[in-house]
Structures are given as C-alpha cells and as structure tokens.
Amino acid sequence: MGEIDLHLHTTASDGRLTPQDLVKLAAELGLRVIAITDHDTTDGVRPAQAAAARFANLRLIPGVEMSVDIAEAEVHLLGYWVDLDNREFQQLLAWSRDGRVNRAHRILEKLAELGLPVEWERVRELAGDGAVGRPHIAQAMVEKGYVADIREAFDLYLGRGRPAYVERERLTPEQGIRSILAVGGLPVLAHPADIAGLEELLPGWVAAGLVGMEVYYAGYTPDIVGRLQGLADQHGLIATGGTDYHGFGTPDEALPGSVDVPREVVDQLIKRRFRLAS
C-alpha cells in the first residue's frame, strides 16, 4: 500500500463514506497524505479536516473535482488548496451542482422512456446532503433490479453514448483551470488516459495554467503510466495520482492508498503552490 492518495470522494458528492469515515479509513490504512476532491463541492473538506486533526501522521489537502467540457467528452480537473471561503468560486460550484440536478432529472426521464422508471425521491435520498450524480441513479437502478451493479448501469445505460446518457452545461477546461488558479489552487488534470487527442489538447491547457496531471491512477498499466509520465515531463507538469475512491464496495474497487504515488509528488505540489503565491 502507498501512503499518498490525492483523489478521494465522500458523501458530500457521490462517495459512500462520510468525510469522517473516509479519514478514519485512510488513517487505518496507513496513509500519510490525502486530498478530499468531491465533485463540484468543497462541503466535505472541513468535516474531513476536523477528523484528520485527530491523527498526527495524516495530512489533508483541501480540494475539489470540477467538471469541464470539450467536444464530445467530459473532462475533470482536480483543484488542490482552493480557497474554501471564496464567494465567487462557491457560486461557480453551486451553478455546476444545479446542472447536475437538471441532468439527473433528464436521465430519469430517459430511463422511464426505456421502461426503467426510477423515483427522484430515492435518488435524492441516496445522495443525502451531497451533490446528485450518476452513481446515485445507478445505485437506485441496482435496488430496482434493473442491473447487477453500478458498473453495469454505466456500461448499459448511463455512460457516454448509452441510451440514458445526458450532457450538461459545463465550463471549458481553460475556464476551469483559471477559476482554480484565481482562488489560490493548483489545477491538475484527472484520469487523462482516455481523453481523445490528449497530446494536442495539453499545450493549450498548460498555457492556461495547468500544473499537474494524474499519471498514477487505479487500473493504469505500466504502459499507460509510462506514456502519461512522458507527456507530463514534456510539458513540465507534476505527475500526481490517486485511486478516485468512492466507497462503492464493488470487488474491483481500489482502496485508498492502493495506487503507489511517489512521495516526492506532494513536495513538488507544495513548491509549486508557494511559487504561484509569490
């Protein structure tokens, strides 16, 4: 097991563990540095910080995972050390969350047309106090017996190109990058291996201020890691990593820390943070 995981989700968005329980799990697994990166919300950060204060050997980085859009694809940006109290940034995240709710309603309409009705009230219950996401709809579909598990729900219905998939309003990557930088954060490209045309897109994102890219990620083969590391080196990006843990409990889900992220990554991020602040 590794000691660093910079991509973790809680019940503040579509994770299954509360911030407190996620921090406890990370500490039990021997992690030293974690980042809370919920989708389009920072609501899980402060409860996680309070929980992490009880563990002397655990450092917590406040973060977020923002949804941005390119032609025919969805891209995610991780923002580390974002200012939690910046009003404009919180308004931007709220706008994005509202888009998630509208999207969820449209997905439910499509599912009903397919003969797979799912109640909005149940989806909202599954989301709890967090932002509604497709995993909550998938979980409701599992409960209904429409699919065997969450992965099957995405593969058959909810994934891009599937019959119940719905696009939603999002920022461009450049807008997302600049919004993270504007609140003192470090923008990092999440799970980039499947982005079509990544090599052609990266220069523009780097010019906008991208500072890092996930190279170490759950399920990435050595060949994929090598290719991404080469791109990171080429563009002067910090090669970060994490599991993207949601706590779904599926047999193939990577536990926090199960991706071996080099220890020097955190030092590199800290140095870049202070360089940008100076």
C-alpha atoms as a PDB file:
ATOM      1  CA  MET A   1       0.000   0.000   0.000  1.00  0.00           C
ATOM      2  CA  GLY A   2       1.104   3.533  -0.730  1.00  0.00           C
ATOM      3  CA  GLU A   3       0.998   6.462   1.661  1.00  0.00           C
ATOM      4  CA  ILE A   4      -0.475   9.126  -0.636  1.00  0.00           C
ATOM      5  CA  ASP A   5      -3.894   9.394  -2.278  1.00  0.00           C
ATOM      6  CA  LEU A   6      -4.824  12.688  -3.891  1.00  0.00           C
ATOM      7  CA  HIS A   7      -8.211  11.727  -5.331  1.00  0.00           C
ATOM      8  CA  LEU A   8     -10.928  10.725  -2.845  1.00  0.00           C
ATOM      9  CA  HIS A   9     -14.699  11.235  -2.672  1.00  0.00           C
ATOM     10  CA  THR A  10     -17.134  11.443   0.239  1.00  0.00           C
ATOM     11  CA  THR A  11     -20.875  11.708   0.790  1.00  0.00           C
ATOM     12  CA  ALA A  12     -20.528  15.434   0.060  1.00  0.00           C
ATOM     13  CA  SER A  13     -20.785  14.343  -3.588  1.00  0.00           C
ATOM     14  CA  ASP A  14     -21.133  10.769  -4.823  1.00  0.00           C
ATOM     15  CA  GLY A  15     -18.941   8.870  -2.377  1.00  0.00           C
ATOM     16  CA  ARG A  16     -20.393   6.349   0.052  1.00  0.00           C
ATOM     17  CA  LEU A  17     -18.356   7.242   3.158  1.00  0.00           C
ATOM     18  CA  THR A  18     -18.784  10.377   5.227  1.00  0.00           C
ATOM     19  CA  PRO A  19     -15.747  12.662   5.367  1.00  0.00           C
ATOM     20  CA  GLN A  20     -15.103  11.453   8.917  1.00  0.00           C
ATOM     21  CA  ASP A  21     -15.306   7.780   7.975  1.00  0.00           C
ATOM     22  CA  LEU A  22     -13.100   8.275   4.928  1.00  0.00           C
ATOM     23  CA  VAL A  23     -10.427   9.977   7.027  1.00  0.00           C
ATOM     24  CA  LYS A  24     -10.628   7.173   9.578  1.00  0.00           C
ATOM     25  CA  LEU A  25     -10.225   4.554   6.839  1.00  0.00           C
ATOM     26  CA  ALA A  26      -7.248   6.403   5.380  1.00  0.00           C
ATOM     27  CA  ALA A  27      -5.571   6.556   8.778  1.00  0.00           C
ATOM     28  CA  GLU A  28      -6.231   2.866   9.411  1.00  0.00           C
ATOM     29  CA  LEU A  29      -4.665   2.037   6.042  1.00  0.00           C
ATOM     30  CA  GLY A  30      -1.525   3.964   6.973  1.00  0.00           C
ATOM     31  CA  LEU A  31      -1.867   6.860   4.564  1.00  0.00           C
ATOM     32  CA  ARG A  32       0.143   9.995   5.283  1.00  0.00           C
ATOM     33  CA  VAL A  33      -1.314  12.496   2.774  1.00  0.00           C
ATOM     34  CA  ILE A  34      -4.824  12.553   1.309  1.00  0.00           C
ATOM     35  CA  ALA A  35      -6.899  15.033  -0.685  1.00  0.00           C
ATOM     36  CA  ILE A  36     -10.672  15.353  -0.481  1.00  0.00           C
ATOM     37  CA  THR A  37     -11.823  16.016  -4.043  1.00  0.00           C
ATOM     38  CA  ASP A  38     -15.604  15.841  -4.220  1.00  0.00           C
ATOM     39  CA  HIS A  39     -17.443  16.668  -7.429  1.00  0.00           C
ATOM     40  CA  ASP A  40     -18.199  20.388  -7.694  1.00  0.00           C
ATOM     41  CA  THR A  41     -18.331  20.918  -3.931  1.00  0.00           C
ATOM     42  CA  THR A  42     -15.964  21.549  -1.046  1.00  0.00           C
ATOM     43  CA  ASP A  43     -18.563  20.766   1.628  1.00  0.00           C
ATOM     44  CA  GLY A  44     -16.749  17.618   2.733  1.00  0.00           C
ATOM     45  CA  VAL A  45     -13.420  19.331   3.349  1.00  0.00           C
ATOM     46  CA  ARG A  46     -13.964  20.974   6.731  1.00  0.00           C
ATOM     47  CA  PRO A  47     -15.501  17.885   8.378  1.00  0.00           C
ATOM     48  CA  ALA A  48     -12.586  15.896   6.983  1.00  0.00           C
ATOM     49  CA  GLN A  49     -10.091  18.431   8.320  1.00  0.00           C
ATOM     50  CA  ALA A  50     -11.614  18.203  11.777  1.00  0.00           C
ATOM     51  CA  ALA A  51     -11.423  14.417  11.657  1.00  0.00           C
ATOM     52  CA  ALA A  52      -7.857  14.438  10.340  1.00  0.00           C
ATOM     53  CA  ALA A  53      -6.729  16.641  13.231  1.00  0.00           C
ATOM     54  CA  ARG A  54      -7.061  13.586  15.476  1.00  0.00           C
ATOM     55  CA  PHE A  55      -4.391  11.710  13.519  1.00  0.00           C
ATOM     56  CA  ALA A  56      -0.934  13.177  13.963  1.00  0.00           C
ATOM     57  CA  ASN A  57       0.551  11.363  10.966  1.00  0.00           C
ATOM     58  CA  LEU A  58      -2.153  12.268   8.458  1.00  0.00           C
ATOM     59  CA  ARG A  59      -2.062  15.411   6.324  1.00  0.00           C
ATOM     60  CA  LEU A  60      -5.183  16.528   4.467  1.00  0.00           C
ATOM     61  CA  ILE A  61      -5.175  18.707   1.348  1.00  0.00           C
ATOM     62  CA  PRO A  62      -8.420  20.611   0.684  1.00  0.00           C
ATOM     63  CA  GLY A  63      -9.568  20.031  -2.854  1.00  0.00           C
ATOM     64  CA  VAL A  64     -12.352  19.715  -5.391  1.00  0.00           C
ATOM     65  CA  GLU A  65     -13.028  17.898  -8.668  1.00  0.00           C
ATOM     66  CA  MET A  66     -14.553  20.198 -11.257  1.00  0.00           C
ATOM     67  CA  SER A  67     -16.395  19.050 -14.373  1.00  0.00           C
ATOM     68  CA  VAL A  68     -15.380  20.793 -17.602  1.00  0.00           C
ATOM     69  CA  ASP A  69     -16.257  20.118 -21.217  1.00  0.00           C
ATOM     70  CA  ILE A  70     -14.533  19.521 -24.531  1.00  0.00           C
ATOM     71  CA  ALA A  71     -16.098  18.457 -27.820  1.00  0.00           C
ATOM     72  CA  GLU A  72     -17.896  15.148 -27.342  1.00  0.00           C
ATOM     73  CA  ALA A  73     -16.255  14.458 -23.976  1.00  0.00           C
ATOM     74  CA  GLU A  74     -16.271  15.285 -20.283  1.00  0.00           C
ATOM     75  CA  VAL A  75     -13.021  16.197 -18.571  1.00  0.00           C
ATOM     76  CA  HIS A  76     -12.380  16.553 -14.846  1.00  0.00           C
ATOM     77  CA  LEU A  77      -9.996  18.937 -13.129  1.00  0.00           C
ATOM     78  CA  LEU A  78      -8.712  18.464  -9.594  1.00  0.00           C
ATOM     79  CA  GLY A  79      -8.066  21.656  -7.655  1.00  0.00           C
ATOM     80  CA  TYR A  80      -5.764  21.414  -4.637  1.00  0.00           C
ATOM     81  CA  TRP A  81      -5.651  24.037  -1.846  1.00  0.00           C
ATOM     82  CA  VAL A  82      -8.583  26.012  -3.218  1.00  0.00           C
ATOM     83  CA  ASP A  83      -9.881  28.844  -1.030  1.00  0.00           C
ATOM     84  CA  LEU A  84     -12.954  27.387   0.634  1.00  0.00           C
ATOM     85  CA  ASP A  85     -14.302  30.823   1.555  1.00  0.00           C
ATOM     86  CA  ASN A  86     -14.145  32.483  -1.857  1.00  0.00           C
ATOM     87  CA  ARG A  87     -17.710  33.535  -2.612  1.00  0.00           C
ATOM     88  CA  GLU A  88     -17.399  33.654  -6.404  1.00  0.00           C
ATOM     89  CA  PHE A  89     -15.810  30.215  -6.529  1.00  0.00           C
ATOM     90  CA  GLN A  90     -18.552  28.754  -4.346  1.00  0.00           C
ATOM     91  CA  GLN A  91     -21.169  30.336  -6.616  1.00  0.00           C
ATOM     92  CA  LEU A  92     -19.470  28.707  -9.608  1.00  0.00           C
ATOM     93  CA  LEU A  93     -19.549  25.319  -7.889  1.00  0.00           C
ATOM     94  CA  ALA A  94     -23.224  25.839  -6.987  1.00  0.00           C
ATOM     95  CA  TRP A  95     -24.002  26.577 -10.647  1.00  0.00           C
ATOM     96  CA  SER A  96     -22.308  23.345 -11.603  1.00  0.00           C
ATOM     97  CA  ARG A  97     -24.213  21.381  -8.945  1.00  0.00           C
ATOM     98  CA  ASP A  98     -27.505  22.822 -10.205  1.00  0.00           C
ATOM     99  CA  GLY A  99     -26.540  21.485 -13.596  1.00  0.00           C
ATOM    100  CA  ARG A 100     -26.148  18.053 -12.034  1.00  0.00           C
ATOM    101  CA  VAL A 101     -29.700  18.160 -10.675  1.00  0.00           C
ATOM    102  CA  ASN A 102     -31.151  19.185 -14.031  1.00  0.00           C
ATOM    103  CA  ARG A 103     -29.144  16.475 -15.728  1.00  0.00           C
ATOM    104  CA  ALA A 104     -30.339  13.851 -13.230  1.00  0.00           C
ATOM    105  CA  HIS A 105     -33.987  14.696 -13.937  1.00  0.00           C
ATOM    106  CA  ARG A 106     -33.414  14.363 -17.677  1.00  0.00           C
ATOM    107  CA  ILE A 107     -31.680  10.996 -17.163  1.00  0.00           C
ATOM    108  CA  LEU A 108     -34.670   9.758 -15.167  1.00  0.00           C
ATOM    109  CA  GLU A 109     -36.956  10.840 -17.989  1.00  0.00           C
ATOM    110  CA  LYS A 110     -34.896   8.800 -20.460  1.00  0.00           C
ATOM    111  CA  LEU A 111     -34.869   5.779 -18.182  1.00  0.00           C
ATOM    112  CA  ALA A 112     -38.657   5.975 -17.870  1.00  0.00           C
ATOM    113  CA  GLU A 113     -38.935   6.038 -21.655  1.00  0.00           C
ATOM    114  CA  LEU A 114     -36.805   2.877 -21.707  1.00  0.00           C
ATOM    115  CA  GLY A 115     -39.216   1.185 -19.311  1.00  0.00           C
ATOM    116  CA  LEU A 116     -36.879   1.568 -16.331  1.00  0.00           C
ATOM    117  CA  PRO A 117     -38.574   4.078 -14.028  1.00  0.00           C
ATOM    118  CA  VAL A 118     -36.550   5.383 -11.078  1.00  0.00           C
ATOM    119  CA  GLU A 119     -38.026   7.710  -8.445  1.00  0.00           C
ATOM    120  CA  TRP A 120     -36.333  11.082  -7.964  1.00  0.00           C
ATOM    121  CA  GLU A 121     -37.049  10.916  -4.234  1.00  0.00           C
ATOM    122  CA  ARG A 122     -34.932   7.760  -3.922  1.00  0.00           C
ATOM    123  CA  VAL A 123     -32.058   9.264  -5.903  1.00  0.00           C
ATOM    124  CA  ARG A 124     -32.145  12.319  -3.645  1.00  0.00           C
ATOM    125  CA  GLU A 125     -32.158  10.066  -0.568  1.00  0.00           C
ATOM    126  CA  LEU A 126     -29.125   8.182  -1.841  1.00  0.00           C
ATOM    127  CA  ALA A 127     -27.278  11.445  -2.452  1.00  0.00           C
ATOM    128  CA  GLY A 128     -28.013  12.590   1.105  1.00  0.00           C
ATOM    129  CA  ASP A 129     -26.574  16.038   1.698  1.00  0.00           C
ATOM    130  CA  GLY A 130     -24.182  15.663  -1.236  1.00  0.00           C
ATOM    131  CA  ALA A 131     -24.423  16.680  -4.875  1.00  0.00           C
ATOM    132  CA  VAL A 132     -26.533  14.346  -7.000  1.00  0.00           C
ATOM    133  CA  GLY A 133     -24.559  12.312  -9.516  1.00  0.00           C
ATOM    134  CA  ARG A 134     -24.990   9.450 -11.942  1.00  0.00           C
ATOM    135  CA  PRO A 135     -23.689   6.921  -9.363  1.00  0.00           C
ATOM    136  CA  HIS A 136     -26.737   7.669  -7.211  1.00  0.00           C
ATOM    137  CA  ILE A 137     -29.027   6.901 -10.148  1.00  0.00           C
ATOM    138  CA  ALA A 138     -27.017   3.753 -10.825  1.00  0.00           C
ATOM    139  CA  GLN A 139     -27.426   2.680  -7.203  1.00  0.00           C
ATOM    140  CA  ALA A 140     -31.183   3.179  -7.447  1.00  0.00           C
ATOM    141  CA  MET A 141     -31.189   1.054 -10.608  1.00  0.00           C
ATOM    142  CA  VAL A 142     -29.398  -1.727  -8.735  1.00  0.00           C
ATOM    143  CA  GLU A 143     -32.026  -1.560  -5.996  1.00  0.00           C
ATOM    144  CA  LYS A 144     -34.741  -1.869  -8.634  1.00  0.00           C
ATOM    145  CA  GLY A 145     -33.085  -4.959 -10.068  1.00  0.00           C
ATOM    146  CA  TYR A 146     -32.564  -3.368 -13.470  1.00  0.00           C
ATOM    147  CA  VAL A 147     -28.811  -4.018 -13.360  1.00  0.00           C
ATOM    148  CA  ALA A 148     -26.480  -6.207 -11.321  1.00  0.00           C
ATOM    149  CA  ASP A 149     -24.178  -3.425 -10.134  1.00  0.00           C
ATOM    150  CA  ILE A 150     -23.181   0.204 -10.639  1.00  0.00           C
ATOM    151  CA  ARG A 151     -20.664  -0.616 -13.353  1.00  0.00           C
ATOM    152  CA  GLU A 152     -23.322  -2.398 -15.402  1.00  0.00           C
ATOM    153  CA  ALA A 153     -25.632   0.616 -15.064  1.00  0.00           C
ATOM    154  CA  PHE A 154     -22.969   2.804 -16.644  1.00  0.00           C
ATOM    155  CA  ASP A 155     -21.993   0.264 -19.276  1.00  0.00           C
ATOM    156  CA  LEU A 156     -25.570  -0.297 -20.429  1.00  0.00           C
ATOM    157  CA  TYR A 157     -27.397   2.979 -19.753  1.00  0.00           C
ATOM    158  CA  LEU A 158     -25.605   5.897 -18.085  1.00  0.00           C
ATOM    159  CA  GLY A 159     -22.190   6.090 -19.731  1.00  0.00           C
ATOM    160  CA  ARG A 160     -21.399   8.385 -22.642  1.00  0.00           C
ATOM    161  CA  GLY A 161     -23.097   7.100 -25.784  1.00  0.00           C
ATOM    162  CA  ARG A 162     -25.526   4.915 -23.835  1.00  0.00           C
ATOM    163  CA  PRO A 163     -29.311   5.381 -24.199  1.00  0.00           C
ATOM    164  CA  ALA A 164     -29.900   7.308 -20.963  1.00  0.00           C
ATOM    165  CA  TYR A 165     -26.793   9.499 -21.136  1.00  0.00           C
ATOM    166  CA  VAL A 166     -27.371  13.249 -20.912  1.00  0.00           C
ATOM    167  CA  GLU A 167     -24.884  16.057 -21.467  1.00  0.00           C
ATOM    168  CA  ARG A 168     -24.945  19.049 -19.156  1.00  0.00           C
ATOM    169  CA  GLU A 169     -23.686  22.616 -19.112  1.00  0.00           C
ATOM    170  CA  ARG A 170     -20.070  22.859 -18.063  1.00  0.00           C
ATOM    171  CA  LEU A 171     -17.078  25.154 -18.202  1.00  0.00           C
ATOM    172  CA  THR A 172     -14.319  24.801 -20.744  1.00  0.00           C
ATOM    173  CA  PRO A 173     -11.052  23.338 -19.388  1.00  0.00           C
ATOM    174  CA  GLU A 174      -9.399  26.736 -19.729  1.00  0.00           C
ATOM    175  CA  GLN A 175     -12.162  28.379 -17.671  1.00  0.00           C
ATOM    176  CA  GLY A 176     -11.911  25.678 -15.031  1.00  0.00           C
ATOM    177  CA  ILE A 177      -8.145  25.977 -14.807  1.00  0.00           C
ATOM    178  CA  ARG A 178      -8.290  29.748 -14.413  1.00  0.00           C
ATOM    179  CA  SER A 179     -11.054  29.549 -11.811  1.00  0.00           C
ATOM    180  CA  ILE A 180      -8.937  27.205  -9.660  1.00  0.00           C
ATOM    181  CA  LEU A 181      -5.865  29.422 -10.043  1.00  0.00           C
ATOM    182  CA  ALA A 182      -7.922  32.501  -9.117  1.00  0.00           C
ATOM    183  CA  VAL A 183      -8.623  31.063  -5.658  1.00  0.00           C
ATOM    184  CA  GLY A 184      -5.049  30.019  -4.954  1.00  0.00           C
ATOM    185  CA  GLY A 185      -5.472  26.417  -6.064  1.00  0.00           C
ATOM    186  CA  LEU A 186      -3.380  24.103  -8.188  1.00  0.00           C
ATOM    187  CA  PRO A 187      -5.258  22.732 -11.243  1.00  0.00           C
ATOM    188  CA  VAL A 188      -4.465  19.111 -12.110  1.00  0.00           C
ATOM    189  CA  LEU A 189      -5.934  17.036 -14.939  1.00  0.00           C
ATOM    190  CA  ALA A 190      -7.791  13.978 -13.600  1.00  0.00           C
ATOM    191  CA  HIS A 191      -7.657  10.463 -15.153  1.00  0.00           C
ATOM    192  CA  PRO A 192      -6.390  11.651 -18.553  1.00  0.00           C
ATOM    193  CA  ALA A 193      -5.643   8.333 -20.265  1.00  0.00           C
ATOM    194  CA  ASP A 194      -8.973   8.124 -22.070  1.00  0.00           C
ATOM    195  CA  ILE A 195      -9.095  11.710 -23.320  1.00  0.00           C
ATOM    196  CA  ALA A 196      -9.055  11.557 -27.111  1.00  0.00           C
ATOM    197  CA  GLY A 197      -6.468  13.880 -28.602  1.00  0.00           C
ATOM    198  CA  LEU A 198      -4.761  14.482 -25.260  1.00  0.00           C
ATOM    199  CA  GLU A 199      -1.421  15.253 -26.900  1.00  0.00           C
ATOM    200  CA  GLU A 200      -2.982  18.025 -28.996  1.00  0.00           C
ATOM    201  CA  LEU A 201      -5.064  19.460 -26.152  1.00  0.00           C
ATOM    202  CA  LEU A 202      -2.398  19.637 -23.450  1.00  0.00           C
ATOM    203  CA  PRO A 203      -0.416  22.634 -24.789  1.00  0.00           C
ATOM    204  CA  GLY A 204      -3.475  24.901 -24.575  1.00  0.00           C
ATOM    205  CA  TRP A 205      -4.294  23.728 -21.071  1.00  0.00           C
ATOM    206  CA  VAL A 206      -0.708  24.205 -19.936  1.00  0.00           C
ATOM    207  CA  ALA A 207      -0.768  27.717 -21.390  1.00  0.00           C
ATOM    208  CA  ALA A 208      -3.918  28.384 -19.335  1.00  0.00           C
ATOM    209  CA  GLY A 209      -2.068  27.359 -16.156  1.00  0.00           C
ATOM    210  CA  LEU A 210      -2.430  23.594 -15.711  1.00  0.00           C
ATOM    211  CA  VAL A 211       0.249  22.484 -13.239  1.00  0.00           C
ATOM    212  CA  GLY A 212      -0.206  18.729 -12.999  1.00  0.00           C
ATOM    213  CA  MET A 213      -1.719  15.573 -14.421  1.00  0.00           C
ATOM    214  CA  GLU A 214      -2.726  12.265 -12.884  1.00  0.00           C
ATOM    215  CA  VAL A 215      -0.209   9.683 -14.001  1.00  0.00           C
ATOM    216  CA  TYR A 216      -0.679   7.126 -11.208  1.00  0.00           C
ATOM    217  CA  TYR A 217      -4.316   6.023 -11.202  1.00  0.00           C
ATOM    218  CA  ALA A 218      -6.300   2.918 -10.382  1.00  0.00           C
ATOM    219  CA  GLY A 219      -6.229   0.461 -13.284  1.00  0.00           C
ATOM    220  CA  TYR A 220      -3.476   2.189 -15.253  1.00  0.00           C
ATOM    221  CA  THR A 221      -0.993  -0.285 -16.703  1.00  0.00           C
ATOM    222  CA  PRO A 222       2.760   0.368 -16.726  1.00  0.00           C
ATOM    223  CA  ASP A 223       2.486   1.275 -20.417  1.00  0.00           C
ATOM    224  CA  ILE A 224      -0.182   3.882 -19.707  1.00  0.00           C
ATOM    225  CA  VAL A 225       1.785   5.284 -16.773  1.00  0.00           C
ATOM    226  CA  GLY A 226       4.885   5.498 -18.962  1.00  0.00           C
ATOM    227  CA  ARG A 227       3.052   7.333 -21.736  1.00  0.00           C
ATOM    228  CA  LEU A 228       1.497   9.812 -19.319  1.00  0.00           C
ATOM    229  CA  GLN A 229       4.773  10.338 -17.483  1.00  0.00           C
ATOM    230  CA  GLY A 230       6.389  11.197 -20.801  1.00  0.00           C
ATOM    231  CA  LEU A 231       3.689  13.774 -21.542  1.00  0.00           C
ATOM    232  CA  ALA A 232       3.974  15.244 -18.049  1.00  0.00           C
ATOM    233  CA  ASP A 233       7.742  15.592 -18.436  1.00  0.00           C
ATOM    234  CA  GLN A 234       7.355  17.105 -21.901  1.00  0.00           C
ATOM    235  CA  HIS A 235       5.032  19.827 -20.638  1.00  0.00           C
ATOM    236  CA  GLY A 236       6.600  20.429 -17.221  1.00  0.00           C
ATOM    237  CA  LEU A 237       3.614  19.005 -15.360  1.00  0.00           C
ATOM    238  CA  ILE A 238       3.710  17.408 -11.924  1.00  0.00           C
ATOM    239  CA  ALA A 239       2.806  13.716 -12.178  1.00  0.00           C
ATOM    240  CA  THR A 240       0.209  13.188  -9.445  1.00  0.00           C
ATOM    241  CA  GLY A 241      -2.057  10.283  -8.613  1.00  0.00           C
ATOM    242  CA  GLY A 242      -4.783   8.660  -6.571  1.00  0.00           C
ATOM    243  CA  THR A 243      -7.449   5.992  -6.589  1.00  0.00           C
ATOM    244  CA  ASP A 244     -10.601   8.050  -7.282  1.00  0.00           C
ATOM    245  CA  TYR A 245     -12.109   6.117  -4.373  1.00  0.00           C
ATOM    246  CA  HIS A 246     -15.887   6.376  -3.897  1.00  0.00           C
ATOM    247  CA  GLY A 247     -16.525   3.510  -1.491  1.00  0.00           C
ATOM    248  CA  PHE A 248     -18.913   1.712  -3.827  1.00  0.00           C
ATOM    249  CA  GLY A 249     -17.855  -1.618  -2.388  1.00  0.00           C
ATOM    250  CA  THR A 250     -17.502  -3.360  -5.749  1.00  0.00           C
ATOM    251  CA  PRO A 251     -14.959  -6.207  -5.836  1.00  0.00           C
ATOM    252  CA  ASP A 252     -12.633  -4.407  -8.240  1.00  0.00           C
ATOM    253  CA  GLU A 253     -12.638  -1.019  -6.493  1.00  0.00           C
ATOM    254  CA  ALA A 254      -9.189   0.191  -5.482  1.00  0.00           C
ATOM    255  CA  LEU A 255      -8.896   1.074  -1.795  1.00  0.00           C
ATOM    256  CA  PRO A 256      -7.345   4.392  -0.728  1.00  0.00           C
ATOM    257  CA  GLY A 257      -3.581   4.142  -0.992  1.00  0.00           C
ATOM    258  CA  SER A 258      -3.596   1.123  -3.293  1.00  0.00           C
ATOM    259  CA  VAL A 259      -2.092   3.214  -6.103  1.00  0.00           C
ATOM    260  CA  ASP A 260       1.596   3.796  -5.415  1.00  0.00           C
ATOM    261  CA  VAL A 261       2.058   7.562  -5.709  1.00  0.00           C
ATOM    262  CA  PRO A 262       5.695   8.705  -5.236  1.00  0.00           C
ATOM    263  CA  ARG A 263       6.282  10.625  -2.017  1.00  0.00           C
ATOM    264  CA  GLU A 264       8.029  13.479  -3.812  1.00  0.00           C
ATOM    265  CA  VAL A 265       4.784  14.402  -5.588  1.00  0.00           C
ATOM    266  CA  VAL A 266       3.468  16.208  -2.512  1.00  0.00           C
ATOM    267  CA  ASP A 267       6.720  18.165  -2.122  1.00  0.00           C
ATOM    268  CA  GLN A 268       6.527  19.165  -5.786  1.00  0.00           C
ATOM    269  CA  LEU A 269       2.945  20.377  -5.352  1.00  0.00           C
ATOM    270  CA  ILE A 270       3.843  22.372  -2.244  1.00  0.00           C
ATOM    271  CA  LYS A 271       6.764  24.035  -4.016  1.00  0.00           C
ATOM    272  CA  ARG A 272       4.584  24.915  -7.000  1.00  0.00           C
ATOM    273  CA  ARG A 273       1.916  26.302  -4.685  1.00  0.00           C
ATOM    274  CA  PHE A 274       4.306  28.690  -2.988  1.00  0.00           C
ATOM    275  CA  ARG A 275       5.870  29.649  -6.313  1.00  0.00           C
ATOM    276  CA  LEU A 276       2.472  30.665  -7.677  1.00  0.00           C
ATOM    277  CA  ALA A 277       1.654  32.562  -4.481  1.00  0.00           C
ATOM    278  CA  SER A 278       4.883  34.570  -4.538  1.00  0.00           C
END
